Amino acid sequence: MLEHFHVPEKDAVRIMPDALRKTVNELFLKMGMSKQDAWQATDVLLLSDTRGVDTHGVSNMMRNYIRMFAEGFINPTPNWKITRETPTTANVDCDRGLGIAVIPQIMELAIEKARETGIGAITMSNGRHAGMIAYHAMMALPHDMIGYSITAGGQSMPPTFGAEPRLAPNPHAWAVPADKEPPFVLDISSSSVAANKIALLRRMKSKILPGLISDDKGTPIMDEREIPEYTWILPNGGTRELGSHKGYGMSAVAQVFGGILSNGAFGAYAGGAMSHFVAAYSIEAFTDVDRFKKSMDDFLKYLRETPPAPGHDRVYYAGLPEHEESNDRHERGIPLHHEVVEWFDEATAEFNLAPLER
């Protein structure tokens, strides 16, 4: 994540992961979730925060989830069910369950199918927020599999040349294991910026960067300015000249795989429900696992040893910065904005829980 979106140290309160995990888990239990679902939902948020994906960690999401539970939008005890199935595929009705609790269970099913047949692919309808989409793809890594995950739903992004939103910043994630190198994990929004990053900028009272959002007529904002009240996110690329049709296309693909393939839905459907897609690919079904992982090591090393351009210290590959950030945050704690810590104090007091441990 760009430094522009990180919490400045002067505004940060460092919270150790175990302390944050304890409080978040207790709050989910207060929402009426089962112990297993509360643990699973907590694990997704904590992996987000330790890997530095603050957009989808507790800062933005926890208060939203609690609000949506209170409004009845999220079912705390979903009875998800398979509506169609083959040896390699399935379609699932999520029963309004929180995605960060339900999708990992569905990914386990995809992994099992891949273990038996080589490939497992599952669509999901009637779902809720998926959290850091890479979490679900990364579940394939310990099984010597490649993971893929998508989530789709909502209308906050106009198509290229569009004057109103018709899509969302639907993200895609791929996770590929290596041997000694940290795994390749690509988690990308189909928009120029993840929508939740706007919330981070608002909290820090920072300005919007050029090419990330449009005005209320769909015209890209190409200068740095205060963040307006509306947040129409532009497709990845910002303008057609810079390739916004590619981000637009990626968002549409996510809507096809996540929404239309699962239940035929798109646009402002089902009161804000979201659809998802996960897949697992067994490496052994395609090639020798040891050879593949060694080749991945060589490939990733080849990328990160690229001579850096002037003004840059090094070259990264997808997943390497998050791996290094995770090591740092497990040692020094997760930097939460002081406003987020204050919110936790209010929430724990409201639910008669012990305060978040500093």
Foldseek 3Di string as FASTA:
>chain_A
DDPLLDDPPVQWDFAALVLQLVLQLVLLVVLVADSQLSNQLSVLQSLCLLLPVVLQHLLQPSVVVVVCSVVVQADRYWDKDWPDDDLAETFIERRRHEQSRPLLVVLVVQLVSCVVPQKHKYKYWNYHDNGQQLVSQCVQQVVLKKKKKKKFWDFQACAAVAQGTFTAQIWMWIWHAADPDFIFIDIGTQFQDHPSSVVSCVVVQAWDAFLFFAPNRGHGRGHTDGDDPRGRGQGRLSHVVRPSNRSSVVRVVSCVRFPCVRPHDGGNPDPTIMMMMMMIGRVVVPDDSNVVNPVVVVVQVVQFPPDDDPPDDTGHGHPVSSVVSSVVCNVRGRIDRVVSLVVQQVSCVVVVHDRRDD
